[in-house]
Amino acid sequence: MGPGLAWTTDLAAAMANNTLQNITGTILLAGAGKMGGAMLSGWLAGGLDPRRVAVIDPHLSPEITALAAKGVALNPDMKAAGTVETLVVAVKPQMFREAGAKLKPFVSDKTSVVSIMAGTTIASLEEVCGGAVMRAMPNTPAAIGRGITVAVAAQHVSSAQRAVADALLRATGSVEWVEDEGLMDAVTAVSGSGPAYVFLLAEELARAGVEAGLPEALATRLARETVAGSGELLHQSELASSTLRQNVTSPGGTTAAALDVLMGEPGLRELMIRAIAAATKRSKELAK
């Protein structure tokens, strides 16, 4: 990563942390599963006062329960929750209609509602919860602070509300904002589901290594470390992924022989286009 990009990223993170530290209302997190829990950990690490956080979840993990000692309110009633500045909805989409009705009393016209539920539209969120709605799609690398989230806001959301939402989302990685909610289905297909494609690559690379004669343990380690190391190189480099690929490929060499298969017909490009199209279609079908 070059100095310009690093400076920009560090500045964005610093601004997000400053916003977190200046929050005075309550941040109510509905759903503290893997993604909700990862976000909560990021908020607290970024300087958000634990006393500003309330969590609603009928099945709290021991890790979340332990945060009560730091001041995080667990399953509070409306009076204990105080003025909810932002409601972050991280429940499973199929539970939203039931859960949303229980969350609505916590929401006023001034409350920001940030949803990370796949397929749940701004219109549905406004209908069920009300408030100033923003819809976001994070991905699982958020658990290690390396996620990427794409967000879109309803037209009446203020710049101040968007700044708080941005800080909350940025606590687990990078954030991109779009103006067209219609893009969120493709976003879900590319980055939301994307980690599974990368994990599948590691899985199948190891399987192919075993077929080529490697011991399973060695093939698994080689595939895992190669995918992880290549991802980190891609993260730190300013070069395009196509350039990085070309840098590994000598004309007539072993890599070129493999790429002739992967880039042939039908090849990885065609398969990926079909995969993303299928995931995008399914996201639209799930929309509420």
Protein backbone atom coordinates (compact mmCIF):
# COMPACT_ATOMS: atom_id res chain seq x y z
CA MET A 1 0.00 0.00 0.00
CA GLY A 2 1.45 3.34 -1.02
CA PRO A 3 1.80 6.27 1.38
CA GLY A 4 -1.12 8.21 -0.09
CA LEU A 5 -3.61 5.38 0.31
CA ALA A 6 -2.29 4.51 3.77
CA TRP A 7 -2.69 8.15 4.87
CA THR A 8 -6.23 8.26 3.55
CA THR A 9 -7.14 5.00 5.30
CA ASP A 10 -5.53 6.06 8.57
CA LEU A 11 -7.29 9.43 8.43
CA ALA A 12 -10.67 7.80 7.85
CA ALA A 13 -10.08 5.44 10.78
CA ALA A 14 -8.99 8.30 13.03
CA MET A 15 -12.07 10.35 12.11
CA ALA A 16 -14.28 7.32 12.76
CA ASN A 17 -12.70 6.76 16.18
CA ASN A 18 -13.17 10.42 17.05
CA THR A 19 -16.85 10.18 16.10
CA LEU A 20 -17.27 7.05 18.24
CA GLN A 21 -15.70 8.77 21.23
CA ASN A 22 -18.09 11.74 20.90
CA ILE A 23 -21.32 9.73 20.82
CA THR A 24 -23.63 10.84 23.63
CA GLY A 25 -26.83 8.88 22.92
CA THR A 26 -27.38 5.14 23.13
CA ILE A 27 -26.23 2.76 20.40
CA LEU A 28 -28.70 -0.12 20.51
CA LEU A 29 -27.45 -3.32 18.88
CA ALA A 30 -30.21 -5.79 18.03
CA GLY A 31 -28.57 -9.16 17.45
CA ALA A 32 -25.13 -9.97 18.86
CA GLY A 33 -24.21 -13.00 16.77
CA LYS A 34 -20.98 -13.31 14.80
CA MET A 35 -21.36 -10.13 12.76
CA GLY A 36 -23.10 -8.07 15.45
CA GLY A 37 -20.54 -9.23 18.00
CA ALA A 38 -17.67 -8.33 15.67
CA MET A 39 -19.09 -4.84 15.22
CA LEU A 40 -19.50 -4.40 18.98
CA SER A 41 -15.88 -5.44 19.57
CA GLY A 42 -14.77 -2.92 16.96
CA TRP A 43 -16.81 -0.11 18.55
CA LEU A 44 -15.33 -0.68 21.99
CA ALA A 45 -11.80 -1.01 20.58
CA GLY A 46 -12.37 2.27 18.70
CA GLY A 47 -13.13 4.15 21.90
CA LEU A 48 -16.92 3.99 22.17
CA ASP A 49 -17.92 4.28 25.82
CA PRO A 50 -19.41 0.89 26.85
CA ARG A 51 -22.04 2.79 28.83
CA ARG A 52 -23.33 4.16 25.51
CA VAL A 53 -24.08 0.62 24.24
CA ALA A 54 -27.14 -1.56 24.80
CA VAL A 55 -27.58 -5.04 23.35
CA ILE A 56 -30.84 -6.88 22.71
CA ASP A 57 -30.47 -10.59 22.02
CA PRO A 58 -32.41 -13.50 23.56
CA HIS A 59 -29.38 -15.77 23.34
CA LEU A 60 -26.38 -13.81 24.61
CA SER A 61 -22.99 -15.51 24.37
CA PRO A 62 -20.71 -15.62 27.42
CA GLU A 63 -18.41 -13.12 25.68
CA ILE A 64 -21.23 -10.59 25.27
CA THR A 65 -22.58 -11.25 28.76
CA ALA A 66 -19.14 -10.47 30.21
CA LEU A 67 -19.33 -6.95 28.74
CA ALA A 68 -21.98 -6.03 31.31
CA ALA A 69 -19.13 -5.57 33.79
CA LYS A 70 -17.76 -2.82 31.53
CA GLY A 71 -21.09 -1.00 31.41
CA VAL A 72 -22.81 -2.47 28.33
CA ALA A 73 -26.55 -2.77 29.00
CA LEU A 74 -27.99 -6.18 28.18
CA ASN A 75 -31.62 -6.62 27.10
CA PRO A 76 -32.73 -3.31 28.64
CA ASP A 77 -36.28 -2.01 28.70
CA MET A 78 -37.04 1.35 27.09
CA LYS A 79 -36.37 3.32 30.26
CA ALA A 80 -33.00 1.66 30.89
CA ALA A 81 -31.96 2.06 27.24
CA GLY A 82 -32.37 5.84 27.36
CA THR A 83 -32.44 7.93 24.19
CA VAL A 84 -31.49 5.65 21.30
CA GLU A 85 -29.36 7.62 18.87
CA THR A 86 -28.72 4.70 16.54
CA LEU A 87 -30.32 1.27 16.26
CA VAL A 88 -28.14 -1.31 14.51
CA VAL A 89 -30.22 -4.24 13.30
CA ALA A 90 -28.11 -7.39 13.01
CA VAL A 91 -30.76 -10.09 13.36
CA LYS A 92 -31.37 -12.81 10.79
CA PRO A 93 -33.54 -11.45 7.94
CA GLN A 94 -36.20 -14.11 8.46
CA MET A 95 -36.60 -12.92 12.07
CA PHE A 96 -36.90 -9.25 11.17
CA ARG A 97 -40.69 -8.89 11.03
CA GLU A 98 -41.09 -10.30 14.53
CA ALA A 99 -38.01 -8.61 15.99
CA GLY A 100 -38.67 -5.30 14.24
CA ALA A 101 -42.05 -4.88 15.90
CA LYS A 102 -40.36 -5.23 19.30
CA LEU A 103 -37.65 -2.73 18.34
CA LYS A 104 -40.01 -0.06 16.99
CA PRO A 105 -40.79 1.43 20.45
CA PHE A 106 -37.10 2.29 20.84
CA VAL A 107 -37.13 4.32 17.60
CA SER A 108 -38.10 7.98 17.32
CA ASP A 109 -38.11 10.21 14.26
CA LYS A 110 -34.55 11.25 15.18
CA THR A 111 -33.21 7.72 15.56
CA SER A 112 -30.86 6.36 12.92
CA VAL A 113 -31.61 2.76 11.93
CA VAL A 114 -28.68 0.89 10.38
CA SER A 115 -29.44 -2.56 9.02
CA ILE A 116 -26.85 -5.17 8.08
CA MET A 117 -29.50 -7.72 7.05
CA ALA A 118 -29.17 -9.16 3.56
CA GLY A 119 -32.10 -8.54 1.24
CA THR A 120 -34.06 -6.26 3.59
CA THR A 121 -34.93 -3.04 1.77
CA ILE A 122 -34.98 0.51 3.07
CA ALA A 123 -38.74 0.58 2.45
CA SER A 124 -39.26 -2.49 4.64
CA LEU A 125 -37.09 -1.04 7.39
CA GLU A 126 -39.03 2.23 7.31
CA GLU A 127 -42.31 0.34 7.46
CA VAL A 128 -41.36 -1.93 10.37
CA CYS A 129 -39.01 0.25 12.45
CA GLY A 130 -39.29 3.82 11.21
CA GLY A 131 -36.47 6.28 11.83
CA ALA A 132 -33.75 7.48 9.49
CA VAL A 133 -32.81 4.28 7.67
CA MET A 134 -29.48 3.16 6.28
CA ARG A 135 -28.84 -0.24 4.77
CA ALA A 136 -25.39 -1.85 4.86
CA MET A 137 -23.77 -5.06 3.67
CA PRO A 138 -20.61 -6.07 5.59
CA ASN A 139 -18.67 -9.31 5.17
CA THR A 140 -17.10 -11.83 7.53
CA PRO A 141 -13.51 -10.46 7.53
CA ALA A 142 -15.07 -7.79 9.76
CA ALA A 143 -14.32 -10.25 12.57
CA ILE A 144 -10.61 -9.40 12.25
CA GLY A 145 -11.06 -5.73 11.32
CA ARG A 146 -10.50 -6.37 7.61
CA GLY A 147 -14.06 -6.27 6.36
CA ILE A 148 -15.51 -4.19 3.55
CA THR A 149 -18.99 -2.72 3.98
CA VAL A 150 -21.15 -1.02 1.34
CA ALA A 151 -23.92 1.25 2.62
CA VAL A 152 -26.79 3.29 1.23
CA ALA A 153 -28.93 5.87 3.04
CA ALA A 154 -32.53 6.95 2.65
CA GLN A 155 -32.89 10.44 1.19
CA HIS A 156 -33.87 12.15 4.45
CA VAL A 157 -30.85 10.87 6.45
CA SER A 158 -28.76 13.81 7.66
CA SER A 159 -25.00 14.14 7.20
CA ALA A 160 -24.54 13.85 10.98
CA GLN A 161 -26.53 10.61 11.10
CA ARG A 162 -24.57 9.24 8.18
CA ALA A 163 -21.28 10.17 9.90
CA VAL A 164 -22.21 8.19 13.02
CA ALA A 165 -23.28 5.21 10.90
CA ASP A 166 -20.05 5.43 8.94
CA ALA A 167 -18.01 5.39 12.16
CA LEU A 168 -19.91 2.37 13.47
CA LEU A 169 -19.45 0.46 10.21
CA ARG A 170 -15.81 1.54 9.77
CA ALA A 171 -14.91 -0.01 13.13
CA THR A 172 -14.63 -3.37 11.35
CA GLY A 173 -12.92 -2.30 8.11
CA SER A 174 -13.43 -0.17 5.03
CA VAL A 175 -16.72 1.46 4.04
CA GLU A 176 -18.06 2.47 0.64
CA TRP A 177 -21.29 4.49 0.22
CA VAL A 178 -23.50 4.24 -2.84
CA GLU A 179 -26.52 6.32 -3.84
CA ASP A 180 -28.49 3.59 -5.63
CA GLU A 181 -30.04 0.93 -3.38
CA GLY A 182 -30.47 -1.23 -6.47
CA LEU A 183 -26.72 -1.94 -6.39
CA MET A 184 -26.98 -3.74 -3.05
CA ASP A 185 -27.96 -7.08 -4.58
CA ALA A 186 -24.78 -7.18 -6.66
CA VAL A 187 -22.78 -5.92 -3.66
CA THR A 188 -24.15 -8.84 -1.65
CA ALA A 189 -23.11 -11.23 -4.41
CA VAL A 190 -19.57 -9.86 -4.75
CA SER A 191 -18.36 -8.82 -1.30
CA GLY A 192 -21.04 -10.16 1.05
CA SER A 193 -20.79 -13.71 -0.30
CA GLY A 194 -17.26 -13.23 -1.67
CA PRO A 195 -15.32 -14.69 1.28
CA ALA A 196 -17.00 -18.06 0.61
CA TYR A 197 -15.61 -18.03 -2.93
CA VAL A 198 -12.10 -17.42 -1.62
CA PHE A 199 -12.43 -20.18 0.98
CA LEU A 200 -13.66 -22.51 -1.77
CA LEU A 201 -10.55 -21.65 -3.79
CA ALA A 202 -8.34 -22.69 -0.86
CA GLU A 203 -10.40 -25.85 -0.41
CA GLU A 204 -10.21 -26.90 -4.04
CA LEU A 205 -6.55 -25.90 -4.42
CA ALA A 206 -5.71 -28.25 -1.55
CA ARG A 207 -7.86 -31.01 -3.06
CA ALA A 208 -6.09 -30.64 -6.42
CA GLY A 209 -2.73 -30.82 -4.63
CA VAL A 210 -3.71 -34.15 -3.09
CA GLU A 211 -4.76 -35.39 -6.55
CA ALA A 212 -1.29 -34.38 -7.78
CA GLY A 213 0.34 -36.54 -5.11
CA LEU A 214 0.88 -34.25 -2.12
CA PRO A 215 0.10 -35.44 1.43
CA GLU A 216 -3.24 -33.95 2.51
CA ALA A 217 -1.81 -31.99 5.46
CA LEU A 218 0.89 -30.42 3.29
CA ALA A 219 -1.51 -29.62 0.45
CA THR A 220 -3.91 -27.97 2.90
CA ARG A 221 -1.18 -25.84 4.45
CA LEU A 222 0.23 -24.83 1.06
CA ALA A 223 -3.20 -23.84 -0.24
CA ARG A 224 -4.18 -21.98 2.94
CA GLU A 225 -0.96 -19.99 3.21
CA THR A 226 -0.86 -19.25 -0.52
CA VAL A 227 -4.38 -17.82 -0.54
CA ALA A 228 -3.78 -15.86 2.68
CA GLY A 229 -0.40 -14.51 1.58
CA SER A 230 -1.64 -13.57 -1.87
CA GLY A 231 -4.57 -11.74 -0.30
CA GLU A 232 -2.24 -9.76 1.93
CA LEU A 233 0.01 -8.92 -1.05
CA LEU A 234 -3.05 -7.71 -2.95
CA HIS A 235 -4.07 -5.66 0.09
CA GLN A 236 -0.70 -3.96 0.46
CA SER A 237 0.13 -3.47 -3.22
CA GLU A 238 -1.00 -0.57 -5.40
CA LEU A 239 -0.75 -2.78 -8.48
CA ALA A 240 -3.87 -4.07 -10.20
CA SER A 241 -4.71 -7.71 -9.57
CA SER A 242 -4.15 -8.41 -13.27
CA THR A 243 -0.62 -6.99 -13.00
CA LEU A 244 0.14 -9.07 -9.92
CA ARG A 245 -1.05 -12.13 -11.81
CA GLN A 246 1.13 -11.31 -14.78
CA ASN A 247 4.13 -10.81 -12.50
CA VAL A 248 3.86 -14.44 -11.37
CA THR A 249 3.47 -15.77 -14.92
CA SER A 250 6.50 -16.58 -17.06
CA PRO A 251 5.75 -17.26 -20.75
CA GLY A 252 5.67 -20.99 -21.36
CA GLY A 253 6.11 -21.75 -17.66
CA THR A 254 4.14 -23.76 -15.12
CA THR A 255 1.85 -20.89 -14.10
CA ALA A 256 1.04 -20.15 -17.73
CA ALA A 257 0.10 -23.80 -18.26
CA ALA A 258 -2.34 -23.67 -15.35
CA LEU A 259 -3.78 -20.31 -16.40
CA ASP A 260 -4.42 -21.66 -19.91
CA VAL A 261 -6.91 -24.00 -18.23
CA LEU A 262 -8.39 -21.49 -15.78
CA MET A 263 -8.73 -18.75 -18.40
CA GLY A 264 -9.84 -21.03 -21.24
CA GLU A 265 -13.38 -21.81 -22.37
CA PRO A 266 -15.28 -22.43 -20.22
CA GLY A 267 -13.05 -20.87 -17.60
CA LEU A 268 -13.04 -19.10 -14.29
CA ARG A 269 -14.33 -15.84 -15.81
CA GLU A 270 -17.47 -17.48 -17.15
CA LEU A 271 -18.04 -19.41 -13.93
CA MET A 272 -17.63 -16.28 -11.79
CA ILE A 273 -20.05 -14.29 -13.95
CA ARG A 274 -22.61 -17.07 -13.59
CA ALA A 275 -22.00 -17.34 -9.84
CA ILE A 276 -22.39 -13.61 -9.21
CA ALA A 277 -25.50 -13.51 -11.39
CA ALA A 278 -27.02 -16.40 -9.40
CA ALA A 279 -26.25 -14.74 -6.06
CA THR A 280 -27.60 -11.38 -7.27
CA LYS A 281 -30.81 -13.04 -8.47
CA ARG A 282 -31.24 -14.80 -5.12
CA SER A 283 -30.66 -11.54 -3.22
CA LYS A 284 -33.46 -9.91 -5.22
CA GLU A 285 -35.75 -12.86 -4.48
CA LEU A 286 -35.06 -12.48 -0.76
CA ALA A 287 -35.81 -8.74 -0.77
CA LYS A 288 -38.56 -7.69 1.58
